[in-house]
Structures are given as structure tokens and as C-alpha cells.
Amino acid sequence: MTTALSVLGAVLLTSCGSDETTGFPETTAESASELEAVFAEAENEQPKKNAEIAAAALREQEYEKAAAALNSFNQFDNVSYEQAISVKTSMKNLQAELASQIQTDPDARRAWERIKAAARDQ
């Protein structure tokens, strides 16, 4: 599953731009709404709960919490393709927001470090 999410992430990062025709969320707030929608009917409660945590953290700009919740999906083997895409898109949007905030927001820097550490651990 981790490999599948990594491949999906690479595809998303190269194919998702600011083009409105992609249909992918382009902000963390949009990502939060999509996460809630695609996990609303999840059969497994833990991924659904993690999606709720990630969505709330994205909305509240709780960067570290959002990063941790989104990284936690690597442990689940039972997410659908649509759910995996939503998680990767959310992470891409979080990273974009962090990049714009990292110089002035210590929370953004800590979240960025958390994401880098999680990537090294995979």
C-alpha cells in the first residue's frame, strides 16, 4: 500500500497543477471537504476517523496534526483508490501551504520536518 500511495503521489505531483479542469482540490480547505466526502462511507472506522482528524486540522491550519493524520494512512491497506488520491492530494496541498508559510511560521516548519522524517522512515 505504501508503494501504491507513493506512485499515486508522484503521478499527482506531476499532473495536478492549478488547471481548473483537473477536478482536484487546490487548497487545504477544499482538501478537507474532499477527505470528509470520500471517507464518509468508509467501511473501516480507523481510516474514517483519521480523515476526520486530518480534515479538521487542515481547516484549522494545525499543520503538525494534519501532517501526522495524513501520514498515518500509510498503515492502512484497505483504502480505496479514490480515498488514496484524496489523501495524496491533501498532502500535496498541505505541502504547498507549508512552503508558503515555512519562513514565518514555526508550526509550518515543524510540520515540514515531520513530513520529511516520515518520508525517510518509509
PDB file of N, CA and C in Angstrom:
ATOM      1  N   MET A   1       0.819  -1.197   0.000  1.00  0.00           N
ATOM      2  CA  MET A   1       0.000   0.000   0.000  1.00  0.00           C
ATOM      3  C   MET A   1       0.860   1.257   0.000  1.00  0.00           C
ATOM      4  N   THR A   2       1.948   1.223   0.751  1.00  0.00           N
ATOM      5  CA  THR A   2       2.825   2.380   0.804  1.00  0.00           C
ATOM      6  C   THR A   2       3.384   2.683  -0.582  1.00  0.00           C
ATOM      7  N   THR A   3       3.769   1.640  -1.307  1.00  0.00           N
ATOM      8  CA  THR A   3       4.286   1.833  -2.653  1.00  0.00           C
ATOM      9  C   THR A   3       3.206   2.411  -3.554  1.00  0.00           C
ATOM     10  N   ALA A   4       1.995   1.891  -3.435  1.00  0.00           N
ATOM     11  CA  ALA A   4       0.892   2.392  -4.260  1.00  0.00           C
ATOM     12  C   ALA A   4       0.627   3.868  -3.971  1.00  0.00           C
ATOM     13  N   LEU A   5       0.636   4.252  -2.697  1.00  0.00           N
ATOM     14  CA  LEU A   5       0.428   5.655  -2.347  1.00  0.00           C
ATOM     15  C   LEU A   5       1.567   6.518  -2.860  1.00  0.00           C
ATOM     16  N   SER A   6       2.788   5.991  -2.820  1.00  0.00           N
ATOM     17  CA  SER A   6       3.931   6.756  -3.319  1.00  0.00           C
ATOM     18  C   SER A   6       3.828   6.992  -4.820  1.00  0.00           C
ATOM     19  N   VAL A   7       3.433   5.935  -5.557  1.00  0.00           N
ATOM     20  CA  VAL A   7       3.260   6.072  -7.001  1.00  0.00           C
ATOM     21  C   VAL A   7       2.150   7.066  -7.304  1.00  0.00           C
ATOM     22  N   LEU A   8       1.038   6.942  -6.582  1.00  0.00           N
ATOM     23  CA  LEU A   8      -0.064   7.879  -6.789  1.00  0.00           C
ATOM     24  C   LEU A   8       0.368   9.305  -6.485  1.00  0.00           C
ATOM     25  N   GLY A   9       1.158   9.464  -5.453  1.00  0.00           N
ATOM     26  CA  GLY A   9       1.651  10.796  -5.098  1.00  0.00           C
ATOM     27  C   GLY A   9       2.516  11.378  -6.199  1.00  0.00           C
ATOM     28  N   ALA A  10       3.382  10.558  -6.765  1.00  0.00           N
ATOM     29  CA  ALA A  10       4.240  11.032  -7.849  1.00  0.00           C
ATOM     30  C   ALA A  10       3.404  11.444  -9.057  1.00  0.00           C
ATOM     31  N   VAL A  11       2.403  10.643  -9.379  1.00  0.00           N
ATOM     32  CA  VAL A  11       1.523  10.983 -10.501  1.00  0.00           C
ATOM     33  C   VAL A  11       0.792  12.286 -10.225  1.00  0.00           C
ATOM     34  N   LEU A  12       0.275  12.430  -9.018  1.00  0.00           N
ATOM     35  CA  LEU A  12      -0.448  13.653  -8.674  1.00  0.00           C
ATOM     36  C   LEU A  12       0.451  14.878  -8.711  1.00  0.00           C
ATOM     37  N   LEU A  13       1.638  14.743  -8.182  1.00  0.00           N
ATOM     38  CA  LEU A  13       2.531  15.891  -8.131  1.00  0.00           C
ATOM     39  C   LEU A  13       2.950  16.343  -9.524  1.00  0.00           C
ATOM     40  N   THR A  14       3.007  15.415 -10.460  1.00  0.00           N
ATOM     41  CA  THR A  14       3.401  15.809 -11.811  1.00  0.00           C
ATOM     42  C   THR A  14       2.219  16.202 -12.670  1.00  0.00           C
ATOM     43  N   SER A  15       1.023  15.743 -12.316  1.00  0.00           N
ATOM     44  CA  SER A  15      -0.123  16.014 -13.188  1.00  0.00           C
ATOM     45  C   SER A  15      -1.100  17.046 -12.652  1.00  0.00           C
ATOM     46  N   CYS A  16      -1.043  17.354 -11.374  1.00  0.00           N
ATOM     47  CA  CYS A  16      -2.003  18.286 -10.792  1.00  0.00           C
ATOM     48  C   CYS A  16      -1.390  19.659 -10.655  1.00  0.00           C
ATOM     49  N   GLY A  17      -1.892  20.569 -11.430  1.00  0.00           N
ATOM     50  CA  GLY A  17      -1.429  21.940 -11.311  1.00  0.00           C
ATOM     51  C   GLY A  17      -2.598  22.797 -10.895  1.00  0.00           C
ATOM     52  N   SER A  18      -2.544  24.024 -11.273  1.00  0.00           N
ATOM     53  CA  SER A  18      -3.634  24.913 -10.930  1.00  0.00           C
ATOM     54  C   SER A  18      -4.713  24.899 -12.006  1.00  0.00           C
ATOM     55  N   ASP A  19      -4.638  23.947 -12.927  1.00  0.00           N
ATOM     56  CA  ASP A  19      -5.615  23.817 -14.007  1.00  0.00           C
ATOM     57  C   ASP A  19      -6.965  23.444 -13.417  1.00  0.00           C
ATOM     58  N   GLU A  20      -7.960  24.261 -13.672  1.00  0.00           N
ATOM     59  CA  GLU A  20      -9.283  24.025 -13.100  1.00  0.00           C
ATOM     60  C   GLU A  20      -9.951  22.775 -13.666  1.00  0.00           C
ATOM     61  N   THR A  21      -9.440  22.235 -14.745  1.00  0.00           N
ATOM     62  CA  THR A  21     -10.069  21.067 -15.357  1.00  0.00           C
ATOM     63  C   THR A  21      -9.696  19.762 -14.665  1.00  0.00           C
ATOM     64  N   THR A  22      -8.747  19.779 -13.735  1.00  0.00           N
ATOM     65  CA  THR A  22      -8.332  18.537 -13.089  1.00  0.00           C
ATOM     66  C   THR A  22      -9.391  17.991 -12.151  1.00  0.00           C
ATOM     67  N   GLY A  23     -10.171  18.864 -11.559  1.00  0.00           N
ATOM     68  CA  GLY A  23     -11.177  18.420 -10.608  1.00  0.00           C
ATOM     69  C   GLY A  23     -10.623  18.130  -9.229  1.00  0.00           C
ATOM     70  N   PHE A  24      -9.332  18.295  -9.028  1.00  0.00           N
ATOM     71  CA  PHE A  24      -8.719  18.046  -7.736  1.00  0.00           C
ATOM     72  C   PHE A  24      -8.789  19.310  -6.881  1.00  0.00           C
ATOM     73  N   PRO A  25      -8.922  19.145  -5.575  1.00  0.00           N
ATOM     74  CA  PRO A  25      -8.891  20.318  -4.683  1.00  0.00           C
ATOM     75  C   PRO A  25      -7.544  21.016  -4.807  1.00  0.00           C
ATOM     76  N   GLU A  26      -7.574  22.319  -4.705  1.00  0.00           N
ATOM     77  CA  GLU A  26      -6.340  23.080  -4.847  1.00  0.00           C
ATOM     78  C   GLU A  26      -5.936  23.800  -3.566  1.00  0.00           C
ATOM     79  N   THR A  27      -6.750  23.750  -2.540  1.00  0.00           N
ATOM     80  CA  THR A  27      -6.412  24.376  -1.259  1.00  0.00           C
ATOM     81  C   THR A  27      -6.597  23.350  -0.153  1.00  0.00           C
ATOM     82  N   THR A  28      -6.037  23.657   1.010  1.00  0.00           N
ATOM     83  CA  THR A  28      -6.214  22.738   2.132  1.00  0.00           C
ATOM     84  C   THR A  28      -7.678  22.689   2.580  1.00  0.00           C
ATOM     85  N   ALA A  29      -8.396  23.798   2.471  1.00  0.00           N
ATOM     86  CA  ALA A  29      -9.818  23.797   2.843  1.00  0.00           C
ATOM     87  C   ALA A  29     -10.621  22.902   1.899  1.00  0.00           C
ATOM     88  N   GLU A  30     -10.323  22.983   0.607  1.00  0.00           N
ATOM     89  CA  GLU A  30     -11.000  22.112  -0.356  1.00  0.00           C
ATOM     90  C   GLU A  30     -10.626  20.653  -0.106  1.00  0.00           C
ATOM     91  N   SER A  31      -9.364  20.419   0.218  1.00  0.00           N
ATOM     92  CA  SER A  31      -8.916  19.059   0.525  1.00  0.00           C
ATOM     93  C   SER A  31      -9.646  18.490   1.737  1.00  0.00           C
ATOM     94  N   ALA A  32      -9.854  19.336   2.743  1.00  0.00           N
ATOM     95  CA  ALA A  32     -10.558  18.897   3.950  1.00  0.00           C
ATOM     96  C   ALA A  32     -11.967  18.417   3.598  1.00  0.00           C
ATOM     97  N   SER A  33     -12.647  19.174   2.775  1.00  0.00           N
ATOM     98  CA  SER A  33     -14.011  18.799   2.370  1.00  0.00           C
ATOM     99  C   SER A  33     -14.007  17.503   1.573  1.00  0.00           C
ATOM    100  N   GLU A  34     -13.033  17.354   0.692  1.00  0.00           N
ATOM    101  CA  GLU A  34     -12.969  16.129  -0.104  1.00  0.00           C
ATOM    102  C   GLU A  34     -12.663  14.916   0.769  1.00  0.00           C
ATOM    103  N   LEU A  35     -11.733  15.069   1.712  1.00  0.00           N
ATOM    104  CA  LEU A  35     -11.422  13.957   2.622  1.00  0.00           C
ATOM    105  C   LEU A  35     -12.683  13.485   3.342  1.00  0.00           C
ATOM    106  N   GLU A  36     -13.434  14.421   3.869  1.00  0.00           N
ATOM    107  CA  GLU A  36     -14.667  14.058   4.580  1.00  0.00           C
ATOM    108  C   GLU A  36     -15.636  13.343   3.651  1.00  0.00           C
ATOM    109  N   ALA A  37     -15.742  13.819   2.428  1.00  0.00           N
ATOM    110  CA  ALA A  37     -16.693  13.222   1.488  1.00  0.00           C
ATOM    111  C   ALA A  37     -16.299  11.802   1.095  1.00  0.00           C
ATOM    112  N   VAL A  38     -15.030  11.588   0.759  1.00  0.00           N
ATOM    113  CA  VAL A  38     -14.645  10.257   0.274  1.00  0.00           C
ATOM    114  C   VAL A  38     -14.520   9.225   1.388  1.00  0.00           C
ATOM    115  N   PHE A  39     -14.342   9.674   2.617  1.00  0.00           N
ATOM    116  CA  PHE A  39     -14.262   8.727   3.731  1.00  0.00           C
ATOM    117  C   PHE A  39     -15.583   8.617   4.505  1.00  0.00           C
ATOM    118  N   ALA A  40     -16.602   9.336   4.101  1.00  0.00           N
ATOM    119  CA  ALA A  40     -17.881   9.329   4.819  1.00  0.00           C
ATOM    120  C   ALA A  40     -18.473   7.924   4.909  1.00  0.00           C
ATOM    121  N   GLU A  41     -18.316   7.157   3.878  1.00  0.00           N
ATOM    122  CA  GLU A  41     -18.886   5.807   3.840  1.00  0.00           C
ATOM    123  C   GLU A  41     -17.829   4.723   3.998  1.00  0.00           C
ATOM    124  N   ALA A  42     -16.687   5.075   4.553  1.00  0.00           N
ATOM    125  CA  ALA A  42     -15.612   4.091   4.724  1.00  0.00           C
ATOM    126  C   ALA A  42     -16.073   2.952   5.615  1.00  0.00           C
ATOM    127  N   GLU A  43     -15.722   1.739   5.201  1.00  0.00           N
ATOM    128  CA  GLU A  43     -16.116   0.551   5.969  1.00  0.00           C
ATOM    129  C   GLU A  43     -15.306   0.419   7.256  1.00  0.00           C
ATOM    130  N   ASN A  44     -14.050   0.777   7.199  1.00  0.00           N
ATOM    131  CA  ASN A  44     -13.181   0.685   8.363  1.00  0.00           C
ATOM    132  C   ASN A  44     -13.225   2.013   9.123  1.00  0.00           C
ATOM    133  N   GLU A  45     -13.485   1.950  10.394  1.00  0.00           N
ATOM    134  CA  GLU A  45     -13.644   3.161  11.200  1.00  0.00           C
ATOM    135  C   GLU A  45     -12.353   3.944  11.402  1.00  0.00           C
ATOM    136  N   GLN A  46     -11.205   3.264  11.482  1.00  0.00           N
ATOM    137  CA  GLN A  46      -9.968   3.996  11.766  1.00  0.00           C
ATOM    138  C   GLN A  46      -9.576   4.940  10.635  1.00  0.00           C
ATOM    139  N   PRO A  47      -9.577   4.499   9.372  1.00  0.00           N
ATOM    140  CA  PRO A  47      -9.283   5.479   8.307  1.00  0.00           C
ATOM    141  C   PRO A  47     -10.296   6.624   8.282  1.00  0.00           C
ATOM    142  N   LYS A  48     -11.557   6.317   8.554  1.00  0.00           N
ATOM    143  CA  LYS A  48     -12.587   7.362   8.584  1.00  0.00           C
ATOM    144  C   LYS A  48     -12.279   8.374   9.685  1.00  0.00           C
ATOM    145  N   LYS A  49     -11.908   7.890  10.862  1.00  0.00           N
ATOM    146  CA  LYS A  49     -11.573   8.773  11.979  1.00  0.00           C
ATOM    147  C   LYS A  49     -10.332   9.610  11.642  1.00  0.00           C
ATOM    148  N   ASN A  50      -9.330   8.991  11.037  1.00  0.00           N
ATOM    149  CA  ASN A  50      -8.124   9.728  10.655  1.00  0.00           C
ATOM    150  C   ASN A  50      -8.450  10.807   9.627  1.00  0.00           C
ATOM    151  N   ALA A  51      -9.356  10.521   8.706  1.00  0.00           N
ATOM    152  CA  ALA A  51      -9.759  11.518   7.708  1.00  0.00           C
ATOM    153  C   ALA A  51     -10.448  12.697   8.390  1.00  0.00           C
ATOM    154  N   GLU A  52     -11.269  12.419   9.381  1.00  0.00           N
ATOM    155  CA  GLU A  52     -11.944  13.495  10.123  1.00  0.00           C
ATOM    156  C   GLU A  52     -10.929  14.364  10.866  1.00  0.00           C
ATOM    157  N   ILE A  53      -9.938  13.716  11.469  1.00  0.00           N
ATOM    158  CA  ILE A  53      -8.884  14.450  12.190  1.00  0.00           C
ATOM    159  C   ILE A  53      -8.083  15.305  11.214  1.00  0.00           C
ATOM    160  N   ALA A  54      -7.701  14.709  10.085  1.00  0.00           N
ATOM    161  CA  ALA A  54      -6.920  15.444   9.079  1.00  0.00           C
ATOM    162  C   ALA A  54      -7.718  16.629   8.537  1.00  0.00           C
ATOM    163  N   ALA A  55      -8.994  16.414   8.242  1.00  0.00           N
ATOM    164  CA  ALA A  55      -9.832  17.483   7.692  1.00  0.00           C
ATOM    165  C   ALA A  55      -9.947  18.646   8.675  1.00  0.00           C
ATOM    166  N   ALA A  56     -10.194  18.336   9.932  1.00  0.00           N
ATOM    167  CA  ALA A  56     -10.307  19.398  10.940  1.00  0.00           C
ATOM    168  C   ALA A  56      -8.987  20.147  11.086  1.00  0.00           C
ATOM    169  N   ALA A  57      -7.881  19.409  11.102  1.00  0.00           N
ATOM    170  CA  ALA A  57      -6.567  20.044  11.245  1.00  0.00           C
ATOM    171  C   ALA A  57      -6.238  20.919  10.035  1.00  0.00           C
ATOM    172  N   LEU A  58      -6.598  20.469   8.847  1.00  0.00           N
ATOM    173  CA  LEU A  58      -6.362  21.284   7.645  1.00  0.00           C
ATOM    174  C   LEU A  58      -7.150  22.584   7.719  1.00  0.00           C
ATOM    175  N   ARG A  59      -8.395  22.490   8.139  1.00  0.00           N
ATOM    176  CA  ARG A  59      -9.231  23.693   8.239  1.00  0.00           C
ATOM    177  C   ARG A  59      -8.713  24.687   9.273  1.00  0.00           C
ATOM    178  N   GLU A  60      -8.212  24.157  10.374  1.00  0.00           N
ATOM    179  CA  GLU A  60      -7.737  25.000  11.481  1.00  0.00           C
ATOM    180  C   GLU A  60      -6.265  25.394  11.336  1.00  0.00           C
ATOM    181  N   GLN A  61      -5.648  24.967  10.255  1.00  0.00           N
ATOM    182  CA  GLN A  61      -4.228  25.219  10.000  1.00  0.00           C
ATOM    183  C   GLN A  61      -3.355  24.692  11.134  1.00  0.00           C
ATOM    184  N   GLU A  62      -3.742  23.550  11.658  1.00  0.00           N
ATOM    185  CA  GLU A  62      -2.933  22.837  12.650  1.00  0.00           C
ATOM    186  C   GLU A  62      -2.029  21.894  11.850  1.00  0.00           C
ATOM    187  N   TYR A  63      -0.928  22.474  11.348  1.00  0.00           N
ATOM    188  CA  TYR A  63      -0.104  21.804  10.360  1.00  0.00           C
ATOM    189  C   TYR A  63       0.484  20.478  10.829  1.00  0.00           C
ATOM    190  N   GLU A  64       1.023  20.444  12.032  1.00  0.00           N
ATOM    191  CA  GLU A  64       1.628  19.204  12.530  1.00  0.00           C
ATOM    192  C   GLU A  64       0.592  18.095  12.664  1.00  0.00           C
ATOM    193  N   LYS A  65      -0.552  18.443  13.190  1.00  0.00           N
ATOM    194  CA  LYS A  65      -1.625  17.468  13.361  1.00  0.00           C
ATOM    195  C   LYS A  65      -2.108  16.954  11.998  1.00  0.00           C
ATOM    196  N   ALA A  66      -2.233  17.848  11.038  1.00  0.00           N
ATOM    197  CA  ALA A  66      -2.653  17.455   9.690  1.00  0.00           C
ATOM    198  C   ALA A  66      -1.620  16.523   9.064  1.00  0.00           C
ATOM    199  N   ALA A  67      -0.342  16.876   9.196  1.00  0.00           N
ATOM    200  CA  ALA A  67       0.721  16.044   8.632  1.00  0.00           C
ATOM    201  C   ALA A  67       0.709  14.646   9.254  1.00  0.00           C
ATOM    202  N   ALA A  68       0.570  14.593  10.571  1.00  0.00           N
ATOM    203  CA  ALA A  68       0.551  13.295  11.263  1.00  0.00           C
ATOM    204  C   ALA A  68      -0.646  12.458  10.812  1.00  0.00           C
ATOM    205  N   ALA A  69      -1.799  13.078  10.728  1.00  0.00           N
ATOM    206  CA  ALA A  69      -3.003  12.340  10.319  1.00  0.00           C
ATOM    207  C   ALA A  69      -2.889  11.847   8.885  1.00  0.00           C
ATOM    208  N   LEU A  70      -2.384  12.682   7.997  1.00  0.00           N
ATOM    209  CA  LEU A  70      -2.243  12.266   6.598  1.00  0.00           C
ATOM    210  C   LEU A  70      -1.177  11.186   6.451  1.00  0.00           C
ATOM    211  N   ASN A  71      -0.075  11.305   7.177  1.00  0.00           N
ATOM    212  CA  ASN A  71       0.962  10.266   7.122  1.00  0.00           C
ATOM    213  C   ASN A  71       0.467   8.939   7.676  1.00  0.00           C
ATOM    214  N   SER A  72      -0.492   8.974   8.580  1.00  0.00           N
ATOM    215  CA  SER A  72      -0.978   7.739   9.206  1.00  0.00           C
ATOM    216  C   SER A  72      -1.674   6.811   8.209  1.00  0.00           C
ATOM    217  N   PHE A  73      -2.078   7.345   7.072  1.00  0.00           N
ATOM    218  CA  PHE A  73      -2.754   6.498   6.089  1.00  0.00           C
ATOM    219  C   PHE A  73      -1.828   5.459   5.477  1.00  0.00           C
ATOM    220  N   ASN A  74      -0.531   5.630   5.623  1.00  0.00           N
ATOM    221  CA  ASN A  74       0.415   4.644   5.104  1.00  0.00           C
ATOM    222  C   ASN A  74       0.258   3.282   5.780  1.00  0.00           C
ATOM    223  N   GLN A  75      -0.345   3.250   6.951  1.00  0.00           N
ATOM    224  CA  GLN A  75      -0.502   1.992   7.677  1.00  0.00           C
ATOM    225  C   GLN A  75      -1.742   1.201   7.266  1.00  0.00           C
ATOM    226  N   PHE A  76      -2.608   1.778   6.440  1.00  0.00           N
ATOM    227  CA  PHE A  76      -3.858   1.125   6.071  1.00  0.00           C
ATOM    228  C   PHE A  76      -3.762   0.489   4.687  1.00  0.00           C
ATOM    229  N   ASP A  77      -4.155  -0.768   4.611  1.00  0.00           N
ATOM    230  CA  ASP A  77      -4.161  -1.481   3.337  1.00  0.00           C
ATOM    231  C   ASP A  77      -5.526  -1.447   2.665  1.00  0.00           C
ATOM    232  N   ASN A  78      -6.525  -0.992   3.370  1.00  0.00           N
ATOM    233  CA  ASN A  78      -7.895  -1.126   2.877  1.00  0.00           C
ATOM    234  C   ASN A  78      -8.536   0.202   2.473  1.00  0.00           C
ATOM    235  N   VAL A  79      -7.752   1.125   1.923  1.00  0.00           N
ATOM    236  CA  VAL A  79      -8.348   2.356   1.418  1.00  0.00           C
ATOM    237  C   VAL A  79      -8.573   2.195  -0.082  1.00  0.00           C
ATOM    238  N   SER A  80      -9.620   2.808  -0.561  1.00  0.00           N
ATOM    239  CA  SER A  80      -9.940   2.720  -1.984  1.00  0.00           C
ATOM    240  C   SER A  80      -9.008   3.632  -2.788  1.00  0.00           C
ATOM    241  N   TYR A  81      -9.045   3.449  -4.092  1.00  0.00           N
ATOM    242  CA  TYR A  81      -8.254   4.300  -4.986  1.00  0.00           C
ATOM    243  C   TYR A  81      -8.644   5.768  -4.790  1.00  0.00           C
ATOM    244  N   GLU A  82      -9.948   6.047  -4.741  1.00  0.00           N
ATOM    245  CA  GLU A  82     -10.436   7.415  -4.569  1.00  0.00           C
ATOM    246  C   GLU A  82      -9.958   8.003  -3.238  1.00  0.00           C
ATOM    247  N   GLN A  83      -9.978   7.190  -2.191  1.00  0.00           N
ATOM    248  CA  GLN A  83      -9.515   7.650  -0.890  1.00  0.00           C
ATOM    249  C   GLN A  83      -8.010   7.937  -0.903  1.00  0.00           C
ATOM    250  N   ALA A  84      -7.240   7.055  -1.538  1.00  0.00           N
ATOM    251  CA  ALA A  84      -5.791   7.246  -1.630  1.00  0.00           C
ATOM    252  C   ALA A  84      -5.466   8.530  -2.394  1.00  0.00           C
ATOM    253  N   ILE A  85      -6.186   8.781  -3.473  1.00  0.00           N
ATOM    254  CA  ILE A  85      -5.980  10.012  -4.249  1.00  0.00           C
ATOM    255  C   ILE A  85      -6.289  11.236  -3.384  1.00  0.00           C
ATOM    256  N   SER A  86      -7.356  11.159  -2.610  1.00  0.00           N
ATOM    257  CA  SER A  86      -7.740  12.276  -1.746  1.00  0.00           C
ATOM    258  C   SER A  86      -6.661  12.556  -0.704  1.00  0.00           C
ATOM    259  N   VAL A  87      -6.112  11.510  -0.115  1.00  0.00           N
ATOM    260  CA  VAL A  87      -5.051  11.669   0.883  1.00  0.00           C
ATOM    261  C   VAL A  87      -3.823  12.305   0.241  1.00  0.00           C
ATOM    262  N   LYS A  88      -3.420  11.812  -0.916  1.00  0.00           N
ATOM    263  CA  LYS A  88      -2.228  12.348  -1.579  1.00  0.00           C
ATOM    264  C   LYS A  88      -2.438  13.791  -2.030  1.00  0.00           C
ATOM    265  N   THR A  89      -3.621  14.099  -2.520  1.00  0.00           N
ATOM    266  CA  THR A  89      -3.913  15.476  -2.920  1.00  0.00           C
ATOM    267  C   THR A  89      -3.888  16.399  -1.704  1.00  0.00           C
ATOM    268  N   SER A  90      -4.432  15.918  -0.602  1.00  0.00           N
ATOM    269  CA  SER A  90      -4.420  16.704   0.636  1.00  0.00           C
ATOM    270  C   SER A  90      -2.992  16.965   1.095  1.00  0.00           C
ATOM    271  N   MET A  91      -2.138  15.948   1.013  1.00  0.00           N
ATOM    272  CA  MET A  91      -0.743  16.115   1.410  1.00  0.00           C
ATOM    273  C   MET A  91      -0.049  17.105   0.477  1.00  0.00           C
ATOM    274  N   LYS A  92      -0.302  17.007  -0.810  1.00  0.00           N
ATOM    275  CA  LYS A  92       0.293  17.948  -1.771  1.00  0.00           C
ATOM    276  C   LYS A  92      -0.121  19.377  -1.439  1.00  0.00           C
ATOM    277  N   ASN A  93      -1.399  19.573  -1.139  1.00  0.00           N
ATOM    278  CA  ASN A  93      -1.883  20.914  -0.809  1.00  0.00           C
ATOM    279  C   ASN A  93      -1.325  21.402   0.524  1.00  0.00           C
ATOM    280  N   LEU A  94      -1.199  20.507   1.487  1.00  0.00           N
ATOM    281  CA  LEU A  94      -0.581  20.873   2.762  1.00  0.00           C
ATOM    282  C   LEU A  94       0.868  21.297   2.539  1.00  0.00           C
ATOM    283  N   GLN A  95       1.599  20.534   1.745  1.00  0.00           N
ATOM    284  CA  GLN A  95       2.996  20.872   1.478  1.00  0.00           C
ATOM    285  C   GLN A  95       3.110  22.229   0.789  1.00  0.00           C
ATOM    286  N   ALA A  96       2.206  22.512  -0.128  1.00  0.00           N
ATOM    287  CA  ALA A  96       2.222  23.811  -0.812  1.00  0.00           C
ATOM    288  C   ALA A  96       1.980  24.944   0.185  1.00  0.00           C
ATOM    289  N   GLU A  97       1.034  24.727   1.093  1.00  0.00           N
ATOM    290  CA  GLU A  97       0.762  25.758   2.103  1.00  0.00           C
ATOM    291  C   GLU A  97       1.948  25.920   3.047  1.00  0.00           C
ATOM    292  N   LEU A  98       2.555  24.803   3.432  1.00  0.00           N
ATOM    293  CA  LEU A  98       3.723  24.871   4.306  1.00  0.00           C
ATOM    294  C   LEU A  98       4.856  25.645   3.637  1.00  0.00           C
ATOM    295  N   ALA A  99       5.060  25.390   2.348  1.00  0.00           N
ATOM    296  CA  ALA A  99       6.133  26.072   1.624  1.00  0.00           C
ATOM    297  C   ALA A  99       5.941  27.582   1.652  1.00  0.00           C
ATOM    298  N   SER A 100       4.693  28.012   1.612  1.00  0.00           N
ATOM    299  CA  SER A 100       4.440  29.455   1.631  1.00  0.00           C
ATOM    300  C   SER A 100       4.532  30.045   3.039  1.00  0.00           C
ATOM    301  N   GLN A 101       4.487  29.207   4.059  1.00  0.00           N
ATOM    302  CA  GLN A 101       4.478  29.678   5.445  1.00  0.00           C
ATOM    303  C   GLN A 101       5.767  29.373   6.217  1.00  0.00           C
ATOM    304  N   ILE A 102       6.614  28.551   5.656  1.00  0.00           N
ATOM    305  CA  ILE A 102       7.731  27.970   6.410  1.00  0.00           C
ATOM    306  C   ILE A 102       8.715  29.018   6.955  1.00  0.00           C
ATOM    307  N   GLN A 103       8.888  30.124   6.264  1.00  0.00           N
ATOM    308  CA  GLN A 103       9.844  31.144   6.708  1.00  0.00           C
ATOM    309  C   GLN A 103       9.344  31.954   7.898  1.00  0.00           C
ATOM    310  N   THR A 104       8.038  32.031   8.063  1.00  0.00           N
ATOM    311  CA  THR A 104       7.487  32.910   9.096  1.00  0.00           C
ATOM    312  C   THR A 104       6.697  32.184  10.186  1.00  0.00           C
ATOM    313  N   ASP A 105       6.376  30.918   9.968  1.00  0.00           N
ATOM    314  CA  ASP A 105       5.523  30.193  10.911  1.00  0.00           C
ATOM    315  C   ASP A 105       6.266  28.977  11.464  1.00  0.00           C
ATOM    316  N   PRO A 106       6.618  28.998  12.752  1.00  0.00           N
ATOM    317  CA  PRO A 106       7.331  27.860  13.333  1.00  0.00           C
ATOM    318  C   PRO A 106       6.530  26.561  13.280  1.00  0.00           C
ATOM    319  N   ASP A 107       5.203  26.651  13.351  1.00  0.00           N
ATOM    320  CA  ASP A 107       4.374  25.449  13.241  1.00  0.00           C
ATOM    321  C   ASP A 107       4.516  24.828  11.853  1.00  0.00           C
ATOM    322  N   ALA A 108       4.586  25.663  10.838  1.00  0.00           N
ATOM    323  CA  ALA A 108       4.764  25.171   9.469  1.00  0.00           C
ATOM    324  C   ALA A 108       6.115  24.476   9.337  1.00  0.00           C
ATOM    325  N   ARG A 109       7.145  25.050   9.933  1.00  0.00           N
ATOM    326  CA  ARG A 109       8.476  24.422   9.873  1.00  0.00           C
ATOM    327  C   ARG A 109       8.470  23.061  10.565  1.00  0.00           C
ATOM    328  N   ARG A 110       7.846  22.976  11.730  1.00  0.00           N
ATOM    329  CA  ARG A 110       7.788  21.692  12.453  1.00  0.00           C
ATOM    330  C   ARG A 110       7.010  20.653  11.648  1.00  0.00           C
ATOM    331  N   ALA A 111       5.930  21.072  11.029  1.00  0.00           N
ATOM    332  CA  ALA A 111       5.139  20.138  10.216  1.00  0.00           C
ATOM    333  C   ALA A 111       5.964  19.651   9.025  1.00  0.00           C
ATOM    334  N   TRP A 112       6.707  20.566   8.410  1.00  0.00           N
ATOM    335  CA  TRP A 112       7.561  20.193   7.281  1.00  0.00           C
ATOM    336  C   TRP A 112       8.600  19.164   7.717  1.00  0.00           C
ATOM    337  N   GLU A 113       9.193  19.383   8.885  1.00  0.00           N
ATOM    338  CA  GLU A 113      10.174  18.429   9.408  1.00  0.00           C
ATOM    339  C   GLU A 113       9.523  17.070   9.679  1.00  0.00           C
ATOM    340  N   ARG A 114       8.300  17.075  10.163  1.00  0.00           N
ATOM    341  CA  ARG A 114       7.570  15.822  10.415  1.00  0.00           C
ATOM    342  C   ARG A 114       7.353  15.069   9.104  1.00  0.00           C
ATOM    343  N   ILE A 115       6.972  15.784   8.066  1.00  0.00           N
ATOM    344  CA  ILE A 115       6.740  15.160   6.758  1.00  0.00           C
ATOM    345  C   ILE A 115       8.034  14.582   6.210  1.00  0.00           C
ATOM    346  N   LYS A 116       9.130  15.342   6.329  1.00  0.00           N
ATOM    347  CA  LYS A 116      10.426  14.842   5.845  1.00  0.00           C
ATOM    348  C   LYS A 116      10.842  13.591   6.618  1.00  0.00           C
ATOM    349  N   ALA A 117      10.652  13.584   7.916  1.00  0.00           N
ATOM    350  CA  ALA A 117      11.032  12.432   8.728  1.00  0.00           C
ATOM    351  C   ALA A 117      10.192  11.210   8.356  1.00  0.00           C
ATOM    352  N   ALA A 118       8.914  11.417   8.125  1.00  0.00           N
ATOM    353  CA  ALA A 118       8.048  10.301   7.743  1.00  0.00           C
ATOM    354  C   ALA A 118       8.469   9.728   6.395  1.00  0.00           C
ATOM    355  N   ALA A 119       8.876  10.586   5.484  1.00  0.00           N
ATOM    356  CA  ALA A 119       9.320  10.123   4.161  1.00  0.00           C
ATOM    357  C   ALA A 119      10.606   9.305   4.288  1.00  0.00           C
ATOM    358  N   ARG A 120      11.495   9.716   5.178  1.00  0.00           N
ATOM    359  CA  ARG A 120      12.740   8.965   5.383  1.00  0.00           C
ATOM    360  C   ARG A 120      12.475   7.595   5.998  1.00  0.00           C
ATOM    361  N   ASP A 121      11.456   7.521   6.847  1.00  0.00           N
ATOM    362  CA  ASP A 121      11.156   6.289   7.561  1.00  0.00           C
ATOM    363  C   ASP A 121      10.453   5.240   6.696  1.00  0.00           C
ATOM    364  N   GLN A 122       9.987   5.634   5.543  1.00  0.00           N
ATOM    365  CA  GLN A 122       9.239   4.682   4.706  1.00  0.00           C
ATOM    366  C   GLN A 122      10.140   3.746   3.975  1.00  0.00           C
TER     367      GLN A 122
END
